[in-house]
Amino acid sequence: MRTVIFDLDGTLADTSRDLIEAANSCFRGLGLGDVLDPVADASTAFRGGRAMLTLGFSRVEGFGVDEIDRQYPRLLQSYGENIDVHTVLYPGAMDAVEALKTDGYAVGICTNKPEGLAEELLRRLGVRDAFGSMIGADTLPVRKPDPAPYVAAVERAGGVVAQSCLIGDTVTDRETARAAGVPSVLVTFGPDGDGVKALQPEALLHDYRDLVGVVKELIA
């Protein structure tokens, strides 16, 4: 079965403000105030909790690498408690997912967000049942860009890797697709905008209304 696998953060949903707020809650707890900016630092938010903490601590003095490990569980707790305050699905995302399913494609999600948080967010957004699989950062012993989570997402959705593609937004998604030997489509409506063109994906996606046509060109 032909299969399309989606990244979550920055691809299906704009989760950046809630992620940045979770990181800033850690910095506020240390008396540092809001170190990260929800707009300027949005692209870092899509690279994960540790990336946000690393960036924030690089802007202040007196904190070492160990503080990242101490704050990471607090970030996850804060994020889990406020996971959908500002988060929204990108315009047309679910219409495109349903159009793919109507055309006979299986669909799934492969994300580097912890599985429990990803499942909770999808449930709160009311879209979990639309996807045939959901592989998170801790579902397997490895995470993207290792190809194993992607392969698992395809197979659990009922597809085969040879007839699949990955929709994402970062270099991690590009490298995952390359490692799995499948085409990648990178969206241009995230914080990196047209900058993802430099990653040389097989296709760019500017609007979810175009997704079905793009996928049909990539999967024979």
N, C-alpha and C. Protein backbone atom coordinates (compact mmCIF):
# COMPACT_ATOMS: atom_id res chain seq x y z
N MET A 1 0.84 -1.20 0.00
CA MET A 1 0.00 0.00 0.00
C MET A 1 0.88 1.25 0.00
N ARG A 2 0.56 2.21 -0.85
CA ARG A 2 1.30 3.46 -0.88
C ARG A 2 1.08 4.21 0.43
N THR A 3 2.14 4.80 0.96
CA THR A 3 2.07 5.35 2.31
C THR A 3 2.76 6.70 2.39
N VAL A 4 2.16 7.62 3.12
CA VAL A 4 2.75 8.92 3.39
C VAL A 4 2.90 9.08 4.90
N ILE A 5 4.12 9.35 5.32
CA ILE A 5 4.43 9.52 6.74
C ILE A 5 4.74 10.98 7.01
N PHE A 6 4.12 11.53 8.04
CA PHE A 6 4.29 12.93 8.40
C PHE A 6 5.11 13.09 9.67
N ASP A 7 5.98 14.08 9.66
CA ASP A 7 6.52 14.60 10.91
C ASP A 7 5.38 15.35 11.59
N LEU A 8 5.53 15.66 12.88
CA LEU A 8 4.45 16.34 13.61
C LEU A 8 4.75 17.82 13.82
N ASP A 9 5.73 18.11 14.66
CA ASP A 9 6.05 19.50 14.99
C ASP A 9 6.63 20.23 13.78
N GLY A 10 6.01 21.33 13.41
CA GLY A 10 6.51 22.11 12.29
C GLY A 10 6.09 21.60 10.93
N THR A 11 5.37 20.48 10.91
CA THR A 11 4.91 19.89 9.65
C THR A 11 3.39 19.79 9.63
N LEU A 12 2.82 19.06 10.56
CA LEU A 12 1.37 19.00 10.69
C LEU A 12 0.84 20.13 11.57
N ALA A 13 1.58 20.46 12.61
CA ALA A 13 1.10 21.44 13.58
C ALA A 13 2.20 22.42 13.96
N ASP A 14 1.81 23.67 14.18
CA ASP A 14 2.73 24.68 14.69
C ASP A 14 2.68 24.62 16.21
N THR A 15 3.65 23.94 16.78
CA THR A 15 3.72 23.74 18.22
C THR A 15 4.73 24.66 18.89
N SER A 16 5.31 25.58 18.14
CA SER A 16 6.48 26.32 18.60
C SER A 16 6.21 27.16 19.85
N ARG A 17 5.07 27.83 19.91
CA ARG A 17 4.83 28.72 21.06
C ARG A 17 4.69 27.94 22.36
N ASP A 18 4.02 26.81 22.31
CA ASP A 18 3.90 26.02 23.54
C ASP A 18 5.23 25.40 23.95
N LEU A 19 6.05 25.03 22.97
CA LEU A 19 7.37 24.49 23.28
C LEU A 19 8.27 25.56 23.89
N ILE A 20 8.28 26.75 23.29
CA ILE A 20 9.09 27.85 23.81
C ILE A 20 8.65 28.22 25.22
N GLU A 21 7.35 28.23 25.45
CA GLU A 21 6.84 28.57 26.78
C GLU A 21 7.29 27.55 27.81
N ALA A 22 7.34 26.27 27.44
CA ALA A 22 7.81 25.24 28.38
C ALA A 22 9.28 25.46 28.74
N ALA A 23 10.09 25.81 27.75
CA ALA A 23 11.50 26.09 28.03
C ALA A 23 11.64 27.34 28.89
N ASN A 24 10.88 28.36 28.57
CA ASN A 24 10.97 29.60 29.35
C ASN A 24 10.52 29.39 30.79
N SER A 25 9.61 28.44 31.01
CA SER A 25 9.20 28.17 32.39
C SER A 25 10.38 27.66 33.21
N CYS A 26 11.27 26.91 32.55
CA CYS A 26 12.48 26.44 33.23
C CYS A 26 13.41 27.61 33.55
N PHE A 27 13.58 28.50 32.60
CA PHE A 27 14.46 29.65 32.82
C PHE A 27 13.88 30.59 33.89
N ARG A 28 12.57 30.75 33.89
CA ARG A 28 11.96 31.58 34.93
C ARG A 28 12.15 30.98 36.30
N GLY A 29 12.10 29.65 36.37
CA GLY A 29 12.32 28.98 37.65
C GLY A 29 13.70 29.19 38.21
N LEU A 30 14.65 29.53 37.34
CA LEU A 30 16.02 29.81 37.75
C LEU A 30 16.26 31.30 37.93
N GLY A 31 15.19 32.09 37.81
CA GLY A 31 15.31 33.52 37.98
C GLY A 31 15.88 34.25 36.78
N LEU A 32 15.82 33.62 35.60
CA LEU A 32 16.42 34.19 34.40
C LEU A 32 15.42 34.90 33.50
N GLY A 33 14.14 34.76 33.79
CA GLY A 33 13.12 35.36 32.94
C GLY A 33 12.93 34.57 31.66
N ASP A 34 12.24 35.16 30.69
CA ASP A 34 11.99 34.51 29.41
C ASP A 34 13.19 34.71 28.49
N VAL A 35 14.05 33.71 28.42
CA VAL A 35 15.29 33.81 27.65
C VAL A 35 15.04 33.62 26.16
N LEU A 36 14.05 32.82 25.80
CA LEU A 36 13.77 32.52 24.40
C LEU A 36 12.60 33.35 23.88
N ASP A 37 12.67 33.70 22.60
CA ASP A 37 11.62 34.47 21.95
C ASP A 37 10.72 33.53 21.14
N PRO A 38 9.41 33.60 21.32
CA PRO A 38 8.51 32.65 20.65
C PRO A 38 8.51 32.75 19.14
N VAL A 39 8.93 33.88 18.59
CA VAL A 39 8.98 34.05 17.14
C VAL A 39 10.39 33.80 16.61
N ALA A 40 11.35 34.54 17.13
CA ALA A 40 12.71 34.44 16.61
C ALA A 40 13.33 33.07 16.84
N ASP A 41 12.92 32.38 17.90
CA ASP A 41 13.52 31.08 18.24
C ASP A 41 12.62 29.90 17.89
N ALA A 42 11.61 30.13 17.06
CA ALA A 42 10.66 29.07 16.72
C ALA A 42 11.34 27.88 16.06
N SER A 43 12.31 28.14 15.18
CA SER A 43 12.96 27.03 14.48
C SER A 43 13.70 26.12 15.46
N THR A 44 14.27 26.68 16.53
CA THR A 44 14.93 25.86 17.54
C THR A 44 13.93 25.01 18.29
N ALA A 45 12.73 25.55 18.50
CA ALA A 45 11.69 24.78 19.19
C ALA A 45 11.41 23.48 18.47
N PHE A 46 11.44 23.51 17.13
CA PHE A 46 11.15 22.31 16.36
C PHE A 46 12.31 21.32 16.36
N ARG A 47 13.41 21.68 16.97
CA ARG A 47 14.56 20.76 17.07
C ARG A 47 14.63 20.09 18.43
N GLY A 48 13.64 20.37 19.29
CA GLY A 48 13.53 19.61 20.52
C GLY A 48 13.84 20.37 21.79
N GLY A 49 13.48 19.76 22.92
CA GLY A 49 13.64 20.39 24.22
C GLY A 49 15.08 20.69 24.57
N ARG A 50 15.96 19.74 24.32
CA ARG A 50 17.36 19.97 24.66
C ARG A 50 17.97 21.08 23.81
N ALA A 51 17.53 21.19 22.57
CA ALA A 51 18.03 22.26 21.71
C ALA A 51 17.61 23.62 22.26
N MET A 52 16.37 23.72 22.73
CA MET A 52 15.91 24.98 23.30
C MET A 52 16.68 25.33 24.58
N LEU A 53 16.88 24.35 25.44
CA LEU A 53 17.63 24.60 26.67
C LEU A 53 19.07 24.98 26.36
N THR A 54 19.67 24.31 25.40
CA THR A 54 21.05 24.63 25.03
C THR A 54 21.16 26.06 24.53
N LEU A 55 20.22 26.46 23.68
CA LEU A 55 20.24 27.83 23.16
C LEU A 55 20.05 28.83 24.29
N GLY A 56 19.09 28.57 25.15
CA GLY A 56 18.83 29.50 26.23
C GLY A 56 20.02 29.67 27.17
N PHE A 57 20.63 28.58 27.56
CA PHE A 57 21.76 28.66 28.49
C PHE A 57 23.00 29.25 27.82
N SER A 58 23.04 29.22 26.49
CA SER A 58 24.17 29.86 25.80
C SER A 58 24.08 31.38 25.89
N ARG A 59 22.92 31.90 26.28
CA ARG A 59 22.71 33.35 26.36
C ARG A 59 22.89 33.90 27.77
N VAL A 60 23.14 33.04 28.72
CA VAL A 60 23.35 33.48 30.10
C VAL A 60 24.64 32.87 30.63
N GLU A 61 25.10 33.39 31.73
CA GLU A 61 26.34 32.88 32.34
C GLU A 61 26.04 32.16 33.64
N GLY A 62 26.94 31.24 33.98
CA GLY A 62 26.84 30.58 35.27
C GLY A 62 26.17 29.22 35.26
N PHE A 63 25.82 28.71 34.07
CA PHE A 63 25.16 27.41 34.00
C PHE A 63 25.91 26.50 33.03
N GLY A 64 26.19 25.27 33.49
CA GLY A 64 26.91 24.31 32.66
C GLY A 64 25.98 23.35 31.96
N VAL A 65 26.59 22.39 31.28
CA VAL A 65 25.83 21.39 30.53
C VAL A 65 24.94 20.56 31.45
N ASP A 66 25.36 20.34 32.67
CA ASP A 66 24.57 19.52 33.60
C ASP A 66 23.19 20.12 33.85
N GLU A 67 23.11 21.45 33.74
CA GLU A 67 21.82 22.09 34.01
C GLU A 67 20.78 21.72 32.97
N ILE A 68 21.24 21.43 31.75
CA ILE A 68 20.31 21.00 30.70
C ILE A 68 19.64 19.69 31.11
N ASP A 69 20.44 18.76 31.63
CA ASP A 69 19.88 17.48 32.07
C ASP A 69 18.93 17.66 33.24
N ARG A 70 19.23 18.60 34.13
CA ARG A 70 18.35 18.82 35.28
C ARG A 70 17.02 19.46 34.85
N GLN A 71 17.08 20.34 33.88
CA GLN A 71 15.89 21.07 33.48
C GLN A 71 15.02 20.32 32.48
N TYR A 72 15.59 19.37 31.77
CA TYR A 72 14.84 18.70 30.71
C TYR A 72 13.56 18.03 31.23
N PRO A 73 13.61 17.26 32.34
CA PRO A 73 12.36 16.67 32.84
C PRO A 73 11.33 17.73 33.23
N ARG A 74 11.79 18.86 33.74
CA ARG A 74 10.87 19.94 34.12
C ARG A 74 10.23 20.55 32.88
N LEU A 75 11.01 20.66 31.81
CA LEU A 75 10.47 21.16 30.55
C LEU A 75 9.36 20.24 30.05
N LEU A 76 9.63 18.94 30.07
CA LEU A 76 8.63 17.98 29.60
C LEU A 76 7.36 18.04 30.45
N GLN A 77 7.52 18.19 31.76
CA GLN A 77 6.35 18.27 32.63
C GLN A 77 5.53 19.52 32.32
N SER A 78 6.21 20.64 32.20
CA SER A 78 5.52 21.89 31.89
C SER A 78 4.83 21.81 30.54
N TYR A 79 5.52 21.25 29.57
CA TYR A 79 4.93 21.15 28.24
C TYR A 79 3.71 20.24 28.24
N GLY A 80 3.80 19.12 28.95
CA GLY A 80 2.68 18.20 29.01
C GLY A 80 1.45 18.81 29.64
N GLU A 81 1.65 19.72 30.57
CA GLU A 81 0.54 20.36 31.26
C GLU A 81 -0.10 21.47 30.42
N ASN A 82 0.64 21.97 29.44
CA ASN A 82 0.16 23.10 28.63
C ASN A 82 0.41 22.84 27.14
N ILE A 83 0.10 21.64 26.70
CA ILE A 83 0.54 21.17 25.40
C ILE A 83 -0.21 21.77 24.21
N ASP A 84 -1.41 22.29 24.46
CA ASP A 84 -2.20 22.78 23.34
C ASP A 84 -2.80 24.17 23.58
N VAL A 85 -2.09 24.98 24.33
CA VAL A 85 -2.57 26.33 24.61
C VAL A 85 -2.55 27.19 23.34
N HIS A 86 -1.43 27.13 22.62
CA HIS A 86 -1.27 27.94 21.41
C HIS A 86 -1.16 27.09 20.14
N THR A 87 -0.98 25.80 20.28
CA THR A 87 -0.73 24.93 19.13
C THR A 87 -1.93 24.86 18.19
N VAL A 88 -1.64 24.95 16.89
CA VAL A 88 -2.69 24.83 15.87
C VAL A 88 -2.18 23.96 14.72
N LEU A 89 -3.10 23.27 14.08
CA LEU A 89 -2.76 22.55 12.86
C LEU A 89 -2.54 23.55 11.74
N TYR A 90 -1.61 23.25 10.84
CA TYR A 90 -1.39 24.14 9.71
C TYR A 90 -2.60 24.11 8.79
N PRO A 91 -2.91 25.25 8.16
CA PRO A 91 -4.09 25.31 7.29
C PRO A 91 -4.10 24.23 6.22
N GLY A 92 -5.19 23.51 6.13
CA GLY A 92 -5.35 22.50 5.10
C GLY A 92 -4.69 21.17 5.39
N ALA A 93 -4.01 21.05 6.52
CA ALA A 93 -3.26 19.82 6.79
C ALA A 93 -4.17 18.60 6.82
N MET A 94 -5.24 18.66 7.58
CA MET A 94 -6.09 17.48 7.71
C MET A 94 -6.95 17.25 6.47
N ASP A 95 -7.27 18.30 5.74
CA ASP A 95 -7.95 18.10 4.46
C ASP A 95 -7.06 17.30 3.52
N ALA A 96 -5.75 17.61 3.54
CA ALA A 96 -4.80 16.89 2.69
C ALA A 96 -4.66 15.44 3.13
N VAL A 97 -4.63 15.21 4.43
CA VAL A 97 -4.54 13.84 4.96
C VAL A 97 -5.75 13.03 4.50
N GLU A 98 -6.93 13.60 4.62
CA GLU A 98 -8.14 12.88 4.23
C GLU A 98 -8.19 12.65 2.72
N ALA A 99 -7.67 13.61 1.96
CA ALA A 99 -7.62 13.44 0.50
C ALA A 99 -6.70 12.29 0.12
N LEU A 100 -5.59 12.17 0.81
CA LEU A 100 -4.67 11.06 0.56
C LEU A 100 -5.36 9.73 0.86
N LYS A 101 -6.04 9.65 1.97
CA LYS A 101 -6.73 8.41 2.35
C LYS A 101 -7.82 8.06 1.35
N THR A 102 -8.53 9.07 0.86
CA THR A 102 -9.56 8.83 -0.14
C THR A 102 -8.96 8.28 -1.42
N ASP A 103 -7.73 8.70 -1.73
CA ASP A 103 -7.02 8.22 -2.92
C ASP A 103 -6.34 6.87 -2.71
N GLY A 104 -6.50 6.29 -1.53
CA GLY A 104 -5.96 4.96 -1.28
C GLY A 104 -4.61 4.89 -0.61
N TYR A 105 -4.14 6.02 -0.09
CA TYR A 105 -2.86 6.03 0.62
C TYR A 105 -3.07 5.73 2.10
N ALA A 106 -2.12 5.03 2.69
CA ALA A 106 -2.07 4.91 4.14
C ALA A 106 -1.30 6.12 4.67
N VAL A 107 -1.61 6.56 5.88
CA VAL A 107 -0.91 7.72 6.45
C VAL A 107 -0.51 7.41 7.89
N GLY A 108 0.63 7.95 8.29
CA GLY A 108 1.12 7.76 9.64
C GLY A 108 1.98 8.92 10.06
N ILE A 109 2.46 8.87 11.30
CA ILE A 109 3.29 9.93 11.86
C ILE A 109 4.56 9.34 12.42
N CYS A 110 5.67 10.01 12.16
CA CYS A 110 6.97 9.65 12.75
C CYS A 110 7.58 10.94 13.29
N THR A 111 7.67 11.07 14.60
CA THR A 111 8.10 12.30 15.23
C THR A 111 9.20 12.04 16.26
N ASN A 112 9.98 13.06 16.54
CA ASN A 112 10.96 12.98 17.62
C ASN A 112 10.42 13.59 18.91
N LYS A 113 9.12 13.80 18.96
CA LYS A 113 8.47 14.15 20.22
C LYS A 113 8.24 12.84 20.99
N PRO A 114 8.44 12.82 22.30
CA PRO A 114 8.17 11.60 23.06
C PRO A 114 6.77 11.07 22.74
N GLU A 115 6.65 9.75 22.64
CA GLU A 115 5.40 9.14 22.19
C GLU A 115 4.20 9.57 23.01
N GLY A 116 4.33 9.57 24.33
CA GLY A 116 3.19 9.93 25.17
C GLY A 116 2.70 11.35 24.91
N LEU A 117 3.64 12.28 24.75
CA LEU A 117 3.26 13.66 24.48
C LEU A 117 2.64 13.80 23.09
N ALA A 118 3.19 13.09 22.13
CA ALA A 118 2.63 13.14 20.77
C ALA A 118 1.21 12.59 20.75
N GLU A 119 0.99 11.47 21.40
CA GLU A 119 -0.34 10.88 21.46
C GLU A 119 -1.32 11.84 22.13
N GLU A 120 -0.89 12.44 23.23
CA GLU A 120 -1.77 13.37 23.95
C GLU A 120 -2.12 14.58 23.09
N LEU A 121 -1.14 15.14 22.40
CA LEU A 121 -1.40 16.30 21.56
C LEU A 121 -2.36 15.95 20.43
N LEU A 122 -2.13 14.83 19.77
CA LEU A 122 -3.02 14.44 18.68
C LEU A 122 -4.43 14.21 19.16
N ARG A 123 -4.58 13.65 20.35
CA ARG A 123 -5.92 13.45 20.91
C ARG A 123 -6.59 14.79 21.19
N ARG A 124 -5.84 15.70 21.78
CA ARG A 124 -6.42 17.01 22.10
C ARG A 124 -6.80 17.79 20.84
N LEU A 125 -6.03 17.60 19.79
CA LEU A 125 -6.34 18.27 18.53
C LEU A 125 -7.46 17.56 17.78
N GLY A 126 -7.82 16.36 18.26
CA GLY A 126 -8.93 15.63 17.68
C GLY A 126 -8.61 14.93 16.37
N VAL A 127 -7.32 14.58 16.16
CA VAL A 127 -6.95 14.01 14.87
C VAL A 127 -6.23 12.66 14.99
N ARG A 128 -6.10 12.11 16.19
CA ARG A 128 -5.34 10.87 16.33
C ARG A 128 -5.88 9.75 15.47
N ASP A 129 -7.19 9.62 15.38
CA ASP A 129 -7.79 8.50 14.65
C ASP A 129 -7.60 8.60 13.14
N ALA A 130 -7.11 9.74 12.66
CA ALA A 130 -6.91 9.89 11.22
C ALA A 130 -5.66 9.17 10.73
N PHE A 131 -4.78 8.77 11.65
CA PHE A 131 -3.49 8.21 11.27
C PHE A 131 -3.38 6.73 11.66
N GLY A 132 -2.85 5.95 10.74
CA GLY A 132 -2.74 4.53 10.96
C GLY A 132 -1.57 4.11 11.83
N SER A 133 -0.64 5.01 12.08
CA SER A 133 0.50 4.71 12.94
C SER A 133 1.01 5.99 13.57
N MET A 134 1.72 5.83 14.71
CA MET A 134 2.32 6.97 15.39
C MET A 134 3.57 6.49 16.11
N ILE A 135 4.73 6.84 15.59
CA ILE A 135 6.01 6.46 16.19
C ILE A 135 6.65 7.71 16.78
N GLY A 136 6.97 7.65 18.08
CA GLY A 136 7.58 8.78 18.76
C GLY A 136 9.06 8.57 18.99
N ALA A 137 9.66 9.53 19.68
CA ALA A 137 11.11 9.50 19.92
C ALA A 137 11.53 8.30 20.74
N ASP A 138 10.66 7.84 21.64
CA ASP A 138 11.01 6.75 22.55
C ASP A 138 10.22 5.47 22.28
N THR A 139 9.56 5.39 21.13
CA THR A 139 8.84 4.16 20.78
C THR A 139 9.82 3.03 20.54
N LEU A 140 10.93 3.35 19.88
CA LEU A 140 12.00 2.40 19.61
C LEU A 140 13.27 2.85 20.33
N PRO A 141 14.30 2.02 20.38
CA PRO A 141 15.55 2.44 21.04
C PRO A 141 16.27 3.56 20.29
N VAL A 142 15.90 3.82 19.03
CA VAL A 142 16.53 4.87 18.24
C VAL A 142 15.47 5.84 17.75
N ARG A 143 15.91 7.01 17.32
CA ARG A 143 15.00 8.03 16.81
C ARG A 143 15.51 8.56 15.49
N LYS A 144 14.70 9.34 14.79
CA LYS A 144 15.17 9.99 13.56
C LYS A 144 16.44 10.80 13.86
N PRO A 145 17.42 10.82 12.97
CA PRO A 145 17.39 10.38 11.56
C PRO A 145 17.70 8.91 11.30
N ASP A 146 17.81 8.09 12.35
CA ASP A 146 17.88 6.65 12.11
C ASP A 146 16.61 6.25 11.34
N PRO A 147 16.73 5.41 10.33
CA PRO A 147 15.56 5.08 9.52
C PRO A 147 14.57 4.14 10.19
N ALA A 148 14.97 3.48 11.28
CA ALA A 148 14.10 2.47 11.89
C ALA A 148 12.74 3.01 12.31
N PRO A 149 12.64 4.18 12.94
CA PRO A 149 11.31 4.68 13.30
C PRO A 149 10.44 4.95 12.07
N TYR A 150 11.05 5.45 11.02
CA TYR A 150 10.29 5.69 9.79
C TYR A 150 9.76 4.37 9.23
N VAL A 151 10.62 3.36 9.15
CA VAL A 151 10.21 2.06 8.64
C VAL A 151 9.06 1.51 9.48
N ALA A 152 9.17 1.65 10.80
CA ALA A 152 8.10 1.16 11.68
C ALA A 152 6.80 1.91 11.43
N ALA A 153 6.89 3.23 11.21
CA ALA A 153 5.69 4.01 10.95
C ALA A 153 5.00 3.56 9.67
N VAL A 154 5.80 3.28 8.64
CA VAL A 154 5.23 2.80 7.37
C VAL A 154 4.56 1.45 7.56
N GLU A 155 5.27 0.53 8.17
CA GLU A 155 4.76 -0.83 8.29
C GLU A 155 3.53 -0.90 9.21
N ARG A 156 3.53 -0.13 10.28
CA ARG A 156 2.38 -0.16 11.19
C ARG A 156 1.16 0.51 10.56
N ALA A 157 1.39 1.37 9.57
CA ALA A 157 0.28 1.97 8.85
C ALA A 157 -0.27 1.03 7.78
N GLY A 158 0.45 -0.08 7.53
CA GLY A 158 0.01 -1.05 6.55
C GLY A 158 0.66 -0.91 5.19
N GLY A 159 1.76 -0.16 5.13
CA GLY A 159 2.43 0.08 3.85
C GLY A 159 3.76 -0.62 3.73
N VAL A 160 4.44 -0.33 2.61
CA VAL A 160 5.79 -0.85 2.38
C VAL A 160 6.68 0.35 2.09
N VAL A 161 7.90 0.29 2.56
CA VAL A 161 8.82 1.42 2.47
C VAL A 161 9.08 1.83 1.02
N ALA A 162 9.17 0.85 0.14
CA ALA A 162 9.49 1.14 -1.26
C ALA A 162 8.43 2.01 -1.94
N GLN A 163 7.24 2.07 -1.39
CA GLN A 163 6.17 2.91 -1.95
C GLN A 163 5.70 3.91 -0.91
N SER A 164 6.65 4.68 -0.40
CA SER A 164 6.32 5.64 0.64
C SER A 164 7.16 6.91 0.49
N CYS A 165 6.76 7.96 1.21
CA CYS A 165 7.55 9.18 1.27
C CYS A 165 7.32 9.86 2.61
N LEU A 166 8.22 10.76 2.95
CA LEU A 166 8.20 11.44 4.24
C LEU A 166 7.95 12.93 4.04
N ILE A 167 6.98 13.47 4.78
CA ILE A 167 6.70 14.90 4.77
C ILE A 167 7.27 15.49 6.06
N GLY A 168 8.18 16.44 5.94
CA GLY A 168 8.82 17.01 7.13
C GLY A 168 9.19 18.46 6.95
N ASP A 169 10.05 18.95 7.87
CA ASP A 169 10.38 20.37 7.83
C ASP A 169 11.82 20.69 8.20
N THR A 170 12.62 19.69 8.56
CA THR A 170 13.98 19.98 9.01
C THR A 170 14.99 19.04 8.37
N VAL A 171 16.27 19.32 8.65
CA VAL A 171 17.34 18.47 8.15
C VAL A 171 17.21 17.06 8.71
N THR A 172 16.65 16.92 9.90
CA THR A 172 16.44 15.58 10.47
C THR A 172 15.53 14.75 9.59
N ASP A 173 14.46 15.36 9.11
CA ASP A 173 13.55 14.64 8.22
C ASP A 173 14.21 14.32 6.89
N ARG A 174 14.98 15.26 6.38
CA ARG A 174 15.69 15.02 5.12
C ARG A 174 16.65 13.84 5.26
N GLU A 175 17.39 13.80 6.35
CA GLU A 175 18.37 12.73 6.56
C GLU A 175 17.67 11.40 6.83
N THR A 176 16.54 11.44 7.49
CA THR A 176 15.78 10.22 7.74
C THR A 176 15.33 9.59 6.43
N ALA A 177 14.77 10.42 5.55
CA ALA A 177 14.31 9.92 4.26
C ALA A 177 15.47 9.37 3.45
N ARG A 178 16.57 10.07 3.47
CA ARG A 178 17.74 9.60 2.72
C ARG A 178 18.21 8.24 3.25
N ALA A 179 18.23 8.11 4.59
CA ALA A 179 18.68 6.86 5.20
C ALA A 179 17.74 5.71 4.88
N ALA A 180 16.45 6.02 4.73
CA ALA A 180 15.46 4.99 4.42
C ALA A 180 15.34 4.73 2.92
N GLY A 181 16.00 5.57 2.13
CA GLY A 181 15.95 5.40 0.67
C GLY A 181 14.63 5.79 0.05
N VAL A 182 13.96 6.82 0.65
CA VAL A 182 12.66 7.25 0.14
C VAL A 182 12.69 8.75 -0.14
N PRO A 183 11.76 9.25 -0.95
CA PRO A 183 11.70 10.69 -1.22
C PRO A 183 11.26 11.47 0.02
N SER A 184 11.73 12.72 0.10
CA SER A 184 11.28 13.61 1.16
C SER A 184 10.63 14.84 0.56
N VAL A 185 9.62 15.33 1.26
CA VAL A 185 8.95 16.59 0.90
C VAL A 185 9.08 17.49 2.13
N LEU A 186 9.69 18.65 1.95
CA LEU A 186 9.87 19.58 3.07
C LEU A 186 8.94 20.78 2.89
N VAL A 187 8.25 21.13 3.97
CA VAL A 187 7.30 22.25 3.92
C VAL A 187 8.06 23.57 4.04
N THR A 188 7.52 24.59 3.40
CA THR A 188 8.16 25.90 3.42
C THR A 188 7.41 26.91 4.28
N PHE A 189 6.36 26.45 4.99
CA PHE A 189 5.58 27.39 5.81
C PHE A 189 5.99 27.36 7.27
N GLY A 190 7.09 26.67 7.60
CA GLY A 190 7.64 26.70 8.94
C GLY A 190 8.60 27.86 9.11
N PRO A 191 9.26 27.96 10.28
CA PRO A 191 10.17 29.08 10.55
C PRO A 191 11.33 29.18 9.57
N ASP A 192 11.79 28.06 9.01
CA ASP A 192 12.91 28.10 8.08
C ASP A 192 12.49 28.54 6.68
N GLY A 193 11.19 28.58 6.42
CA GLY A 193 10.68 29.06 5.14
C GLY A 193 11.33 28.37 3.96
N ASP A 194 11.65 29.17 2.94
CA ASP A 194 12.27 28.62 1.74
C ASP A 194 13.70 28.14 1.98
N GLY A 195 14.22 28.38 3.19
CA GLY A 195 15.57 27.93 3.51
C GLY A 195 15.73 26.42 3.42
N VAL A 196 14.62 25.68 3.53
CA VAL A 196 14.71 24.22 3.45
C VAL A 196 15.10 23.76 2.04
N LYS A 197 15.00 24.66 1.08
CA LYS A 197 15.39 24.31 -0.29
C LYS A 197 16.85 23.89 -0.34
N ALA A 198 17.68 24.46 0.54
CA ALA A 198 19.11 24.14 0.57
C ALA A 198 19.36 22.69 0.95
N LEU A 199 18.38 22.03 1.56
CA LEU A 199 18.53 20.63 1.96
C LEU A 199 18.29 19.69 0.80
N GLN A 200 17.86 20.24 -0.33
CA GLN A 200 17.67 19.48 -1.58
C GLN A 200 16.74 18.28 -1.42
N PRO A 201 15.54 18.51 -0.90
CA PRO A 201 14.56 17.42 -0.86
C PRO A 201 14.06 17.12 -2.27
N GLU A 202 13.39 16.02 -2.41
CA GLU A 202 12.84 15.68 -3.72
C GLU A 202 11.72 16.65 -4.12
N ALA A 203 11.07 17.25 -3.13
CA ALA A 203 10.01 18.22 -3.42
C ALA A 203 9.86 19.18 -2.26
N LEU A 204 9.32 20.37 -2.57
CA LEU A 204 8.96 21.36 -1.57
C LEU A 204 7.44 21.47 -1.54
N LEU A 205 6.90 21.78 -0.37
CA LEU A 205 5.45 21.95 -0.25
C LEU A 205 5.18 23.33 0.33
N HIS A 206 4.51 24.17 -0.48
CA HIS A 206 4.19 25.53 -0.05
C HIS A 206 2.79 25.64 0.51
N ASP A 207 1.94 24.70 0.18
CA ASP A 207 0.54 24.75 0.60
C ASP A 207 0.00 23.33 0.60
N TYR A 208 -0.72 22.97 1.67
CA TYR A 208 -1.24 21.61 1.77
C TYR A 208 -2.23 21.26 0.67
N ARG A 209 -2.78 22.26 0.00
CA ARG A 209 -3.69 21.97 -1.11
C ARG A 209 -2.96 21.25 -2.25
N ASP A 210 -1.65 21.37 -2.29
CA ASP A 210 -0.87 20.78 -3.37
C ASP A 210 -0.31 19.40 -3.02
N LEU A 211 -0.56 18.93 -1.80
CA LEU A 211 0.14 17.72 -1.34
C LEU A 211 -0.17 16.49 -2.17
N VAL A 212 -1.42 16.24 -2.47
CA VAL A 212 -1.77 15.02 -3.20
C VAL A 212 -1.05 14.97 -4.53
N GLY A 213 -1.03 16.08 -5.26
CA GLY A 213 -0.33 16.11 -6.54
C GLY A 213 1.15 15.87 -6.40
N VAL A 214 1.76 16.45 -5.36
CA VAL A 214 3.19 16.25 -5.12
C VAL A 214 3.49 14.80 -4.82
N VAL A 215 2.68 14.19 -3.98
CA VAL A 215 2.90 12.79 -3.59
C VAL A 215 2.75 11.86 -4.80
N LYS A 216 1.77 12.12 -5.63
CA LYS A 216 1.54 11.27 -6.80
C LYS A 216 2.75 11.28 -7.74
N GLU A 217 3.46 12.38 -7.79
CA GLU A 217 4.65 12.46 -8.65
C GLU A 217 5.82 11.69 -8.05
N LEU A 218 5.82 11.53 -6.73
CA LEU A 218 6.96 10.89 -6.06
C LEU A 218 6.77 9.38 -5.87
N ILE A 219 5.53 8.95 -5.69
CA ILE A 219 5.27 7.53 -5.48
C ILE A 219 4.55 6.99 -6.69
N ALA A 220 5.22 6.13 -7.42
CA ALA A 220 4.64 5.58 -8.66
C ALA A 220 3.39 4.78 -8.35
